[in-house]
PDB file of N, CA and C in Angstrom:
ATOM      1  N   MET A   1     202.210 175.368  12.517  1.00  0.00           N
ATOM      2  CA  MET A   1     202.452 176.002  13.802  1.00  0.00           C
ATOM      3  C   MET A   1     202.943 174.929  14.772  1.00  0.00           C
ATOM      4  N   LYS A   2     204.078 175.202  15.373  1.00  0.00           N
ATOM      5  CA  LYS A   2     204.676 174.262  16.318  1.00  0.00           C
ATOM      6  C   LYS A   2     204.492 174.793  17.737  1.00  0.00           C
ATOM      7  N   LYS A   3     203.961 173.952  18.597  1.00  0.00           N
ATOM      8  CA  LYS A   3     203.762 174.328  19.994  1.00  0.00           C
ATOM      9  C   LYS A   3     205.052 174.087  20.769  1.00  0.00           C
ATOM     10  N   ILE A   4     205.576 175.155  21.373  1.00  0.00           N
ATOM     11  CA  ILE A   4     206.743 175.042  22.242  1.00  0.00           C
ATOM     12  C   ILE A   4     206.266 174.708  23.660  1.00  0.00           C
ATOM     13  N   ASN A   5     205.252 175.431  24.107  1.00  0.00           N
ATOM     14  CA  ASN A   5     204.585 175.188  25.388  1.00  0.00           C
ATOM     15  C   ASN A   5     203.239 175.908  25.340  1.00  0.00           C
ATOM     16  N   GLU A   6     202.532 175.974  26.457  1.00  0.00           N
ATOM     17  CA  GLU A   6     201.200 176.600  26.474  1.00  0.00           C
ATOM     18  C   GLU A   6     201.245 178.093  26.158  1.00  0.00           C
ATOM     19  N   GLU A   7     202.415 178.702  26.314  1.00  0.00           N
ATOM     20  CA  GLU A   7     202.545 180.146  26.128  1.00  0.00           C
ATOM     21  C   GLU A   7     203.123 180.547  24.790  1.00  0.00           C
ATOM     22  N   LEU A   8     203.715 179.605  24.061  1.00  0.00           N
ATOM     23  CA  LEU A   8     204.481 179.976  22.874  1.00  0.00           C
ATOM     24  C   LEU A   8     204.345 178.962  21.746  1.00  0.00           C
ATOM     25  N   TYR A   9     204.109 179.512  20.560  1.00  0.00           N
ATOM     26  CA  TYR A   9     204.062 178.741  19.324  1.00  0.00           C
ATOM     27  C   TYR A   9     204.985 179.430  18.331  1.00  0.00           C
ATOM     28  N   VAL A  10     205.576 178.672  17.429  1.00  0.00           N
ATOM     29  CA  VAL A  10     206.413 179.243  16.379  1.00  0.00           C
ATOM     30  C   VAL A  10     205.971 178.675  15.041  1.00  0.00           C
ATOM     31  N   GLY A  11     206.311 179.407  13.981  1.00  0.00           N
ATOM     32  CA  GLY A  11     205.945 178.928  12.657  1.00  0.00           C
ATOM     33  C   GLY A  11     206.591 179.744  11.566  1.00  0.00           C
ATOM     34  N   SER A  12     206.189 179.407  10.357  1.00  0.00           N
ATOM     35  CA  SER A  12     206.745 180.063   9.175  1.00  0.00           C
ATOM     36  C   SER A  12     205.976 181.347   8.859  1.00  0.00           C
ATOM     37  N   GLN A  13     206.461 182.049   7.854  1.00  0.00           N
ATOM     38  CA  GLN A  13     205.891 183.323   7.401  1.00  0.00           C
ATOM     39  C   GLN A  13     204.373 183.239   7.311  1.00  0.00           C
ATOM     40  N   ILE A  14     203.713 184.266   7.824  1.00  0.00           N
ATOM     41  CA  ILE A  14     202.260 184.348   7.727  1.00  0.00           C
ATOM     42  C   ILE A  14     201.865 185.481   6.790  1.00  0.00           C
ATOM     43  N   SER A  15     200.587 185.489   6.433  1.00  0.00           N
ATOM     44  CA  SER A  15     200.018 186.574   5.635  1.00  0.00           C
ATOM     45  C   SER A  15     198.840 187.154   6.415  1.00  0.00           C
ATOM     46  N   GLU A  16     198.242 188.180   5.878  1.00  0.00           N
ATOM     47  CA  GLU A  16     197.116 188.815   6.558  1.00  0.00           C
ATOM     48  C   GLU A  16     196.001 187.812   6.842  1.00  0.00           C
ATOM     49  N   GLY A  17     195.776 186.894   5.922  1.00  0.00           N
ATOM     50  CA  GLY A  17     194.707 185.916   6.081  1.00  0.00           C
ATOM     51  C   GLY A  17     194.903 184.956   7.239  1.00  0.00           C
ATOM     52  N   ASP A  18     196.113 184.833   7.729  1.00  0.00           N
ATOM     53  CA  ASP A  18     196.393 183.925   8.847  1.00  0.00           C
ATOM     54  C   ASP A  18     196.070 184.534  10.209  1.00  0.00           C
ATOM     55  N   VAL A  19     195.937 185.841  10.264  1.00  0.00           N
ATOM     56  CA  VAL A  19     195.760 186.521  11.548  1.00  0.00           C
ATOM     57  C   VAL A  19     194.468 186.078  12.232  1.00  0.00           C
ATOM     58  N   GLN A  20     193.383 185.991  11.500  1.00  0.00           N
ATOM     59  CA  GLN A  20     192.109 185.549  12.082  1.00  0.00           C
ATOM     60  C   GLN A  20     192.238 184.144  12.660  1.00  0.00           C
ATOM     61  N   LEU A  21     192.935 183.263  11.953  1.00  0.00           N
ATOM     62  CA  LEU A  21     193.130 181.894  12.446  1.00  0.00           C
ATOM     63  C   LEU A  21     193.939 181.882  13.742  1.00  0.00           C
ATOM     64  N   LEU A  22     194.947 182.742  13.818  1.00  0.00           N
ATOM     65  CA  LEU A  22     195.743 182.833  15.044  1.00  0.00           C
ATOM     66  C   LEU A  22     194.882 183.311  16.210  1.00  0.00           C
ATOM     67  N   LYS A  23     194.027 184.294  15.949  1.00  0.00           N
ATOM     68  CA  LYS A  23     193.119 184.781  16.994  1.00  0.00           C
ATOM     69  C   LYS A  23     192.194 183.662  17.451  1.00  0.00           C
ATOM     70  N   GLU A  24     191.651 182.907  16.503  1.00  0.00           N
ATOM     71  CA  GLU A  24     190.758 181.800  16.849  1.00  0.00           C
ATOM     72  C   GLU A  24     191.481 180.735  17.668  1.00  0.00           C
ATOM     73  N   HIS A  25     192.771 180.624  17.488  1.00  0.00           N
ATOM     74  CA  HIS A  25     193.581 179.665  18.245  1.00  0.00           C
ATOM     75  C   HIS A  25     193.917 180.197  19.648  1.00  0.00           C
ATOM     76  N   GLY A  26     193.568 181.448  19.916  1.00  0.00           N
ATOM     77  CA  GLY A  26     193.800 182.034  21.234  1.00  0.00           C
ATOM     78  C   GLY A  26     195.064 182.859  21.358  1.00  0.00           C
ATOM     79  N   ILE A  27     195.770 183.054  20.257  1.00  0.00           N
ATOM     80  CA  ILE A  27     196.996 183.856  20.275  1.00  0.00           C
ATOM     81  C   ILE A  27     196.657 185.304  20.629  1.00  0.00           C
ATOM     82  N   LYS A  28     197.479 185.917  21.487  1.00  0.00           N
ATOM     83  CA  LYS A  28     197.291 187.318  21.863  1.00  0.00           C
ATOM     84  C   LYS A  28     198.334 188.234  21.240  1.00  0.00           C
ATOM     85  N   THR A  29     199.525 187.678  20.964  1.00  0.00           N
ATOM     86  CA  THR A  29     200.614 188.483  20.413  1.00  0.00           C
ATOM     87  C   THR A  29     201.295 187.739  19.276  1.00  0.00           C
ATOM     88  N   ILE A  30     201.550 188.463  18.195  1.00  0.00           N
ATOM     89  CA  ILE A  30     202.305 187.948  17.053  1.00  0.00           C
ATOM     90  C   ILE A  30     203.670 188.614  17.082  1.00  0.00           C
ATOM     91  N   VAL A  31     204.717 187.807  16.975  1.00  0.00           N
ATOM     92  CA  VAL A  31     206.084 188.335  16.949  1.00  0.00           C
ATOM     93  C   VAL A  31     206.713 187.977  15.610  1.00  0.00           C
ATOM     94  N   CYS A  32     207.166 188.999  14.898  1.00  0.00           N
ATOM     95  CA  CYS A  32     207.854 188.789  13.625  1.00  0.00           C
ATOM     96  C   CYS A  32     209.358 188.836  13.862  1.00  0.00           C
ATOM     97  N   ASN A  33     210.029 187.733  13.546  1.00  0.00           N
ATOM     98  CA  ASN A  33     211.487 187.667  13.659  1.00  0.00           C
ATOM     99  C   ASN A  33     212.161 187.760  12.299  1.00  0.00           C
ATOM    100  N   ARG A  34     211.391 188.088  11.284  1.00  0.00           N
ATOM    101  CA  ARG A  34     211.921 188.138   9.918  1.00  0.00           C
ATOM    102  C   ARG A  34     212.020 189.586   9.441  1.00  0.00           C
ATOM    103  N   PRO A  35     213.202 190.032   9.030  1.00  0.00           N
ATOM    104  CA  PRO A  35     213.322 191.397   8.511  1.00  0.00           C
ATOM    105  C   PRO A  35     212.454 191.596   7.267  1.00  0.00           C
ATOM    106  N   ASP A  36     211.835 192.760   7.161  1.00  0.00           N
ATOM    107  CA  ASP A  36     211.081 193.087   5.946  1.00  0.00           C
ATOM    108  C   ASP A  36     211.993 193.000   4.732  1.00  0.00           C
ATOM    109  N   ASN A  37     211.422 192.635   3.610  1.00  0.00           N
ATOM    110  CA  ASN A  37     212.118 192.544   2.319  1.00  0.00           C
ATOM    111  C   ASN A  37     213.220 191.494   2.296  1.00  0.00           C
ATOM    112  N   GLU A  38     213.134 190.521   3.171  1.00  0.00           N
ATOM    113  CA  GLU A  38     214.116 189.444   3.172  1.00  0.00           C
ATOM    114  C   GLU A  38     213.901 188.512   1.975  1.00  0.00           C
ATOM    115  N   GLY A  39     212.653 188.370   1.568  1.00  0.00           N
ATOM    116  CA  GLY A  39     212.358 187.468   0.461  1.00  0.00           C
ATOM    117  C   GLY A  39     211.253 188.003  -0.427  1.00  0.00           C
ATOM    118  N   GLN A  40     211.256 187.560  -1.645  1.00  0.00           N
ATOM    119  CA  GLN A  40     210.247 187.976  -2.613  1.00  0.00           C
ATOM    120  C   GLN A  40     208.882 187.433  -2.196  1.00  0.00           C
ATOM    121  N   GLY A  41     207.867 188.277  -2.289  1.00  0.00           N
ATOM    122  CA  GLY A  41     206.517 187.863  -1.961  1.00  0.00           C
ATOM    123  C   GLY A  41     206.214 187.818  -0.475  1.00  0.00           C
ATOM    124  N   GLN A  42     207.125 188.266   0.336  1.00  0.00           N
ATOM    125  CA  GLN A  42     206.961 188.258   1.790  1.00  0.00           C
ATOM    126  C   GLN A  42     205.956 189.324   2.215  1.00  0.00           C
ATOM    127  N   THR A  43     205.044 188.980   3.098  1.00  0.00           N
ATOM    128  CA  THR A  43     204.120 189.956   3.661  1.00  0.00           C
ATOM    129  C   THR A  43     204.881 190.783   4.693  1.00  0.00           C
ATOM    130  N   ASN A  44     204.876 192.106   4.528  1.00  0.00           N
ATOM    131  CA  ASN A  44     205.672 192.938   5.437  1.00  0.00           C
ATOM    132  C   ASN A  44     204.971 193.138   6.776  1.00  0.00           C
ATOM    133  N   ILE A  45     205.729 193.610   7.731  1.00  0.00           N
ATOM    134  CA  ILE A  45     205.236 193.739   9.098  1.00  0.00           C
ATOM    135  C   ILE A  45     204.081 194.726   9.199  1.00  0.00           C
ATOM    136  N   ASP A  46     204.072 195.782   8.397  1.00  0.00           N
ATOM    137  CA  ASP A  46     202.977 196.755   8.469  1.00  0.00           C
ATOM    138  C   ASP A  46     201.643 196.122   8.103  1.00  0.00           C
ATOM    139  N   ALA A  47     201.634 195.264   7.093  1.00  0.00           N
ATOM    140  CA  ALA A  47     200.397 194.582   6.693  1.00  0.00           C
ATOM    141  C   ALA A  47     199.923 193.638   7.800  1.00  0.00           C
ATOM    142  N   ILE A  48     200.854 192.920   8.400  1.00  0.00           N
ATOM    143  CA  ILE A  48     200.501 192.019   9.507  1.00  0.00           C
ATOM    144  C   ILE A  48     199.987 192.831  10.693  1.00  0.00           C
ATOM    145  N   ARG A  49     200.673 193.923  11.010  1.00  0.00           N
ATOM    146  CA  ARG A  49     200.276 194.764  12.143  1.00  0.00           C
ATOM    147  C   ARG A  49     198.873 195.341  11.930  1.00  0.00           C
ATOM    148  N   ASN A  50     198.590 195.842  10.737  1.00  0.00           N
ATOM    149  CA  ASN A  50     197.268 196.408  10.463  1.00  0.00           C
ATOM    150  C   ASN A  50     196.173 195.366  10.638  1.00  0.00           C
ATOM    151  N   GLU A  51     196.389 194.179  10.104  1.00  0.00           N
ATOM    152  CA  GLU A  51     195.389 193.116  10.221  1.00  0.00           C
ATOM    153  C   GLU A  51     195.247 192.667  11.677  1.00  0.00           C
ATOM    154  N   ALA A  52     196.355 192.557  12.376  1.00  0.00           N
ATOM    155  CA  ALA A  52     196.308 192.158  13.789  1.00  0.00           C
ATOM    156  C   ALA A  52     195.556 193.194  14.617  1.00  0.00           C
ATOM    157  N   ASN A  53     195.794 194.470  14.353  1.00  0.00           N
ATOM    158  CA  ASN A  53     195.076 195.528  15.067  1.00  0.00           C
ATOM    159  C   ASN A  53     193.576 195.422  14.836  1.00  0.00           C
ATOM    160  N   ASN A  54     193.178 195.056  13.624  1.00  0.00           N
ATOM    161  CA  ASN A  54     191.757 194.876  13.317  1.00  0.00           C
ATOM    162  C   ASN A  54     191.134 193.742  14.121  1.00  0.00           C
ATOM    163  N   HIS A  55     191.956 192.809  14.574  1.00  0.00           N
ATOM    164  CA  HIS A  55     191.470 191.653  15.336  1.00  0.00           C
ATOM    165  C   HIS A  55     191.825 191.735  16.819  1.00  0.00           C
ATOM    166  N   GLY A  56     192.359 192.876  17.253  1.00  0.00           N
ATOM    167  CA  GLY A  56     192.665 193.070  18.665  1.00  0.00           C
ATOM    168  C   GLY A  56     193.896 192.334  19.168  1.00  0.00           C
ATOM    169  N   LEU A  57     194.816 192.011  18.268  1.00  0.00           N
ATOM    170  CA  LEU A  57     196.047 191.321  18.650  1.00  0.00           C
ATOM    171  C   LEU A  57     197.212 192.297  18.692  1.00  0.00           C
ATOM    172  N   SER A  58     198.163 192.034  19.567  1.00  0.00           N
ATOM    173  CA  SER A  58     199.397 192.818  19.633  1.00  0.00           C
ATOM    174  C   SER A  58     200.400 192.260  18.634  1.00  0.00           C
ATOM    175  N   VAL A  59     201.282 193.129  18.163  1.00  0.00           N
ATOM    176  CA  VAL A  59     202.352 192.714  17.255  1.00  0.00           C
ATOM    177  C   VAL A  59     203.665 193.301  17.755  1.00  0.00           C
ATOM    178  N   GLU A  60     204.687 192.462  17.785  1.00  0.00           N
ATOM    179  CA  GLU A  60     206.036 192.896  18.140  1.00  0.00           C
ATOM    180  C   GLU A  60     206.954 192.554  16.975  1.00  0.00           C
ATOM    181  N   TYR A  61     207.886 193.442  16.697  1.00  0.00           N
ATOM    182  CA  TYR A  61     208.818 193.264  15.581  1.00  0.00           C
ATOM    183  C   TYR A  61     210.228 193.145  16.147  1.00  0.00           C
ATOM    184  N   ILE A  62     210.758 191.919  16.155  1.00  0.00           N
ATOM    185  CA  ILE A  62     212.120 191.649  16.632  1.00  0.00           C
ATOM    186  C   ILE A  62     212.835 190.898  15.511  1.00  0.00           C
ATOM    187  N   PRO A  63     213.152 191.622  14.424  1.00  0.00           N
ATOM    188  CA  PRO A  63     213.740 190.951  13.257  1.00  0.00           C
ATOM    189  C   PRO A  63     215.237 190.715  13.411  1.00  0.00           C
ATOM    190  N   PHE A  64     215.688 189.609  12.865  1.00  0.00           N
ATOM    191  CA  PHE A  64     217.126 189.368  12.784  1.00  0.00           C
ATOM    192  C   PHE A  64     217.401 188.405  11.648  1.00  0.00           C
ATOM    193  N   ALA A  65     218.523 188.630  10.991  1.00  0.00           N
ATOM    194  CA  ALA A  65     218.945 187.764   9.890  1.00  0.00           C
ATOM    195  C   ALA A  65     219.577 186.503  10.473  1.00  0.00           C
ATOM    196  N   PRO A  66     219.586 185.418   9.708  1.00  0.00           N
ATOM    197  CA  PRO A  66     220.232 184.199  10.204  1.00  0.00           C
ATOM    198  C   PRO A  66     221.664 184.485  10.667  1.00  0.00           C
ATOM    199  N   LEU A  67     222.006 183.941  11.809  1.00  0.00           N
ATOM    200  CA  LEU A  67     223.337 184.077  12.413  1.00  0.00           C
ATOM    201  C   LEU A  67     223.668 185.507  12.833  1.00  0.00           C
ATOM    202  N   ARG A  68     222.672 186.353  12.973  1.00  0.00           N
ATOM    203  CA  ARG A  68     222.898 187.751  13.377  1.00  0.00           C
ATOM    204  C   ARG A  68     222.037 188.129  14.577  1.00  0.00           C
ATOM    205  N   LEU A  69     221.840 187.212  15.461  1.00  0.00           N
ATOM    206  CA  LEU A  69     221.029 187.426  16.646  1.00  0.00           C
ATOM    207  C   LEU A  69     221.847 188.174  17.697  1.00  0.00           C
ATOM    208  N   SER A  70     221.266 189.237  18.244  1.00  0.00           N
ATOM    209  CA  SER A  70     221.973 190.026  19.255  1.00  0.00           C
ATOM    210  C   SER A  70     221.428 189.730  20.652  1.00  0.00           C
ATOM    211  N   MET A  71     222.190 190.093  21.650  1.00  0.00           N
ATOM    212  CA  MET A  71     221.738 189.940  23.032  1.00  0.00           C
ATOM    213  C   MET A  71     220.509 190.807  23.282  1.00  0.00           C
ATOM    214  N   GLU A  72     220.454 191.963  22.655  1.00  0.00           N
ATOM    215  CA  GLU A  72     219.287 192.839  22.799  1.00  0.00           C
ATOM    216  C   GLU A  72     218.033 192.153  22.260  1.00  0.00           C
ATOM    217  N   ASP A  73     218.156 191.456  21.124  1.00  0.00           N
ATOM    218  CA  ASP A  73     217.022 190.706  20.575  1.00  0.00           C
ATOM    219  C   ASP A  73     216.541 189.657  21.575  1.00  0.00           C
ATOM    220  N   ILE A  74     217.478 188.939  22.170  1.00  0.00           N
ATOM    221  CA  ILE A  74     217.137 187.891  23.140  1.00  0.00           C
ATOM    222  C   ILE A  74     216.440 188.500  24.351  1.00  0.00           C
ATOM    223  N   LYS A  75     216.948 189.611  24.861  1.00  0.00           N
ATOM    224  CA  LYS A  75     216.332 190.273  26.013  1.00  0.00           C
ATOM    225  C   LYS A  75     214.928 190.766  25.675  1.00  0.00           C
ATOM    226  N   ASN A  76     214.744 191.327  24.480  1.00  0.00           N
ATOM    227  CA  ASN A  76     213.417 191.796  24.078  1.00  0.00           C
ATOM    228  C   ASN A  76     212.425 190.640  24.005  1.00  0.00           C
ATOM    229  N   PHE A  77     212.869 189.510  23.472  1.00  0.00           N
ATOM    230  CA  PHE A  77     211.996 188.339  23.392  1.00  0.00           C
ATOM    231  C   PHE A  77     211.707 187.813  24.802  1.00  0.00           C
ATOM    232  N   ALA A  78     212.709 187.807  25.663  1.00  0.00           N
ATOM    233  CA  ALA A  78     212.519 187.363  27.050  1.00  0.00           C
ATOM    234  C   ALA A  78     211.500 188.244  27.770  1.00  0.00           C
ATOM    235  N   ASP A  79     211.534 189.541  27.511  1.00  0.00           N
ATOM    236  CA  ASP A  79     210.555 190.448  28.113  1.00  0.00           C
ATOM    237  C   ASP A  79     209.137 190.067  27.708  1.00  0.00           C
ATOM    238  N   LEU A  80     208.961 189.674  26.463  1.00  0.00           N
ATOM    239  CA  LEU A  80     207.638 189.229  26.015  1.00  0.00           C
ATOM    240  C   LEU A  80     207.208 187.962  26.739  1.00  0.00           C
ATOM    241  N   LEU A  81     208.150 187.056  26.942  1.00  0.00           N
ATOM    242  CA  LEU A  81     207.826 185.804  27.632  1.00  0.00           C
ATOM    243  C   LEU A  81     207.400 186.049  29.078  1.00  0.00           C
ATOM    244  N   LYS A  82     207.856 187.154  29.664  1.00  0.00           N
ATOM    245  CA  LYS A  82     207.477 187.509  31.038  1.00  0.00           C
ATOM    246  C   LYS A  82     206.186 188.326  31.083  1.00  0.00           C
ATOM    247  N   SER A  83     205.721 188.797  29.951  1.00  0.00           N
ATOM    248  CA  SER A  83     204.570 189.692  29.907  1.00  0.00           C
ATOM    249  C   SER A  83     203.256 188.914  30.004  1.00  0.00           C
ATOM    250  N   ASP A  84     202.175 189.664  30.050  1.00  0.00           N
ATOM    251  CA  ASP A  84     200.848 189.042  30.061  1.00  0.00           C
ATOM    252  C   ASP A  84     200.253 188.970  28.653  1.00  0.00           C
ATOM    253  N   LYS A  85     201.086 189.141  27.641  1.00  0.00           N
ATOM    254  CA  LYS A  85     200.634 189.142  26.244  1.00  0.00           C
ATOM    255  C   LYS A  85     200.654 187.744  25.637  1.00  0.00           C
ATOM    256  N   LYS A  86     200.451 186.721  26.439  1.00  0.00           N
ATOM    257  CA  LYS A  86     200.544 185.342  25.967  1.00  0.00           C
ATOM    258  C   LYS A  86     199.151 184.745  25.810  1.00  0.00           C
ATOM    259  N   PRO A  87     199.021 183.755  24.979  1.00  0.00           N
ATOM    260  CA  PRO A  87     200.042 183.056  24.212  1.00  0.00           C
ATOM    261  C   PRO A  87     200.577 183.879  23.038  1.00  0.00           C
ATOM    262  N   ILE A  88     201.803 183.544  22.672  1.00  0.00           N
ATOM    263  CA  ILE A  88     202.546 184.238  21.624  1.00  0.00           C
ATOM    264  C   ILE A  88     202.740 183.305  20.437  1.00  0.00           C
ATOM    265  N   PHE A  89     202.618 183.873  19.241  1.00  0.00           N
ATOM    266  CA  PHE A  89     203.013 183.164  18.021  1.00  0.00           C
ATOM    267  C   PHE A  89     204.158 183.949  17.407  1.00  0.00           C
ATOM    268  N   ALA A  90     205.328 183.330  17.280  1.00  0.00           N
ATOM    269  CA  ALA A  90     206.499 183.971  16.672  1.00  0.00           C
ATOM    270  C   ALA A  90     206.785 183.300  15.336  1.00  0.00           C
ATOM    271  N   TYR A  91     207.127 184.124  14.343  1.00  0.00           N
ATOM    272  CA  TYR A  91     207.390 183.554  13.021  1.00  0.00           C
ATOM    273  C   TYR A  91     208.599 184.182  12.351  1.00  0.00           C
ATOM    274  N   CYS A  92     209.130 183.434  11.385  1.00  0.00           N
ATOM    275  CA  CYS A  92     210.201 183.882  10.494  1.00  0.00           C
ATOM    276  C   CYS A  92     209.961 183.154   9.172  1.00  0.00           C
ATOM    277  N   LEU A  93     210.971 182.943   8.382  1.00  0.00           N
ATOM    278  CA  LEU A  93     210.773 182.251   7.107  1.00  0.00           C
ATOM    279  C   LEU A  93     210.276 180.825   7.325  1.00  0.00           C
ATOM    280  N   SER A  94     210.975 180.069   8.160  1.00  0.00           N
ATOM    281  CA  SER A  94     210.622 178.657   8.367  1.00  0.00           C
ATOM    282  C   SER A  94     210.148 178.339   9.782  1.00  0.00           C
ATOM    283  N   GLY A  95     210.371 179.239  10.715  1.00  0.00           N
ATOM    284  CA  GLY A  95     210.075 178.999  12.122  1.00  0.00           C
ATOM    285  C   GLY A  95     211.315 178.674  12.936  1.00  0.00           C
ATOM    286  N   LEU A  96     212.399 178.339  12.262  1.00  0.00           N
ATOM    287  CA  LEU A  96     213.626 177.933  12.953  1.00  0.00           C
ATOM    288  C   LEU A  96     214.244 179.075  13.755  1.00  0.00           C
ATOM    289  N   ARG A  97     214.356 180.255  13.161  1.00  0.00           N
ATOM    290  CA  ARG A  97     214.927 181.401  13.893  1.00  0.00           C
ATOM    291  C   ARG A  97     214.084 181.735  15.120  1.00  0.00           C
ATOM    292  N   SER A  98     212.766 181.675  14.950  1.00  0.00           N
ATOM    293  CA  SER A  98     211.880 181.977  16.077  1.00  0.00           C
ATOM    294  C   SER A  98     212.049 180.960  17.194  1.00  0.00           C
ATOM    295  N   GLU A  99     212.220 179.709  16.825  1.00  0.00           N
ATOM    296  CA  GLU A  99     212.455 178.678  17.834  1.00  0.00           C
ATOM    297  C   GLU A  99     213.798 178.898  18.533  1.00  0.00           C
ATOM    298  N   GLN A 100     214.809 179.306  17.779  1.00  0.00           N
ATOM    299  CA  GLN A 100     216.129 179.553  18.363  1.00  0.00           C
ATOM    300  C   GLN A 100     216.111 180.725  19.338  1.00  0.00           C
ATOM    301  N   ILE A 101     215.485 181.833  18.945  1.00  0.00           N
ATOM    302  CA  ILE A 101     215.459 182.984  19.851  1.00  0.00           C
ATOM    303  C   ILE A 101     214.647 182.654  21.093  1.00  0.00           C
ATOM    304  N   ALA A 102     213.594 181.868  20.947  1.00  0.00           N
ATOM    305  CA  ALA A 102     212.796 181.472  22.107  1.00  0.00           C
ATOM    306  C   ALA A 102     213.631 180.646  23.078  1.00  0.00           C
ATOM    307  N   GLN A 103     214.354 179.689  22.556  1.00  0.00           N
ATOM    308  CA  GLN A 103     215.197 178.846  23.407  1.00  0.00           C
ATOM    309  C   GLN A 103     216.225 179.695  24.153  1.00  0.00           C
ATOM    310  N   LEU A 104     216.862 180.613  23.447  1.00  0.00           N
ATOM    311  CA  LEU A 104     217.857 181.480  24.083  1.00  0.00           C
ATOM    312  C   LEU A 104     217.217 182.419  25.103  1.00  0.00           C
ATOM    313  N   ALA A 105     216.012 182.887  24.823  1.00  0.00           N
ATOM    314  CA  ALA A 105     215.313 183.767  25.766  1.00  0.00           C
ATOM    315  C   ALA A 105     214.944 183.011  27.039  1.00  0.00           C
ATOM    316  N   TYR A 106     214.480 181.778  26.900  1.00  0.00           N
ATOM    317  CA  TYR A 106     214.180 180.971  28.091  1.00  0.00           C
ATOM    318  C   TYR A 106     215.451 180.712  28.897  1.00  0.00           C
ATOM    319  N   GLU A 107     216.553 180.419  28.228  1.00  0.00           N
ATOM    320  CA  GLU A 107     217.828 180.205  28.927  1.00  0.00           C
ATOM    321  C   GLU A 107     218.272 181.479  29.640  1.00  0.00           C
ATOM    322  N   TYR A 108     218.094 182.616  28.984  1.00  0.00           N
ATOM    323  CA  TYR A 108     218.439 183.906  29.587  1.00  0.00           C
ATOM    324  C   TYR A 108     217.625 184.123  30.864  1.00  0.00           C
ATOM    325  N   LEU A 109     216.331 183.824  30.816  1.00  0.00           N
ATOM    326  CA  LEU A 109     215.479 184.005  31.989  1.00  0.00           C
ATOM    327  C   LEU A 109     215.872 183.059  33.123  1.00  0.00           C
ATOM    328  N   GLU A 110     216.276 181.857  32.790  1.00  0.00           N
ATOM    329  CA  GLU A 110     216.712 180.891  33.812  1.00  0.00           C
ATOM    330  C   GLU A 110     217.999 181.348  34.493  1.00  0.00           C
ATOM    331  N   ASP A 111     218.892 181.948  33.721  1.00  0.00           N
ATOM    332  CA  ASP A 111     220.185 182.391  34.251  1.00  0.00           C
ATOM    333  C   ASP A 111     220.093 183.696  35.025  1.00  0.00           C
ATOM    334  N   LYS A 112     219.025 184.404  34.827  1.00  0.00           N
ATOM    335  CA  LYS A 112     218.876 185.730  35.412  1.00  0.00           C
ATOM    336  C   LYS A 112     218.637 185.660  36.896  1.00  0.00           C
TER     337      LYS A 112
END
């Protein structure tokens, strides 16, 4: 898990077993930036959402494939950054896409 700032962390694919650890770390919202069925053995968003609900965490699904990020995705992520659902943990396969969308969302908010 990489700390971007006090409100945002990014990382690689998680499984149901990671949700409790995220809660213990103080995370309030999990954001999945990885499309379901992108890779073999990937835990799908429904499994993550069910486990997160059991632990009182919010889950947002803003999936995008590499190099296929839309302005709508950036705006949706920016809305989360403005919300009271922080701290946020965003993940994808490696964490890189989540870090990229976060950077673009912060830039969008600065320009707004």
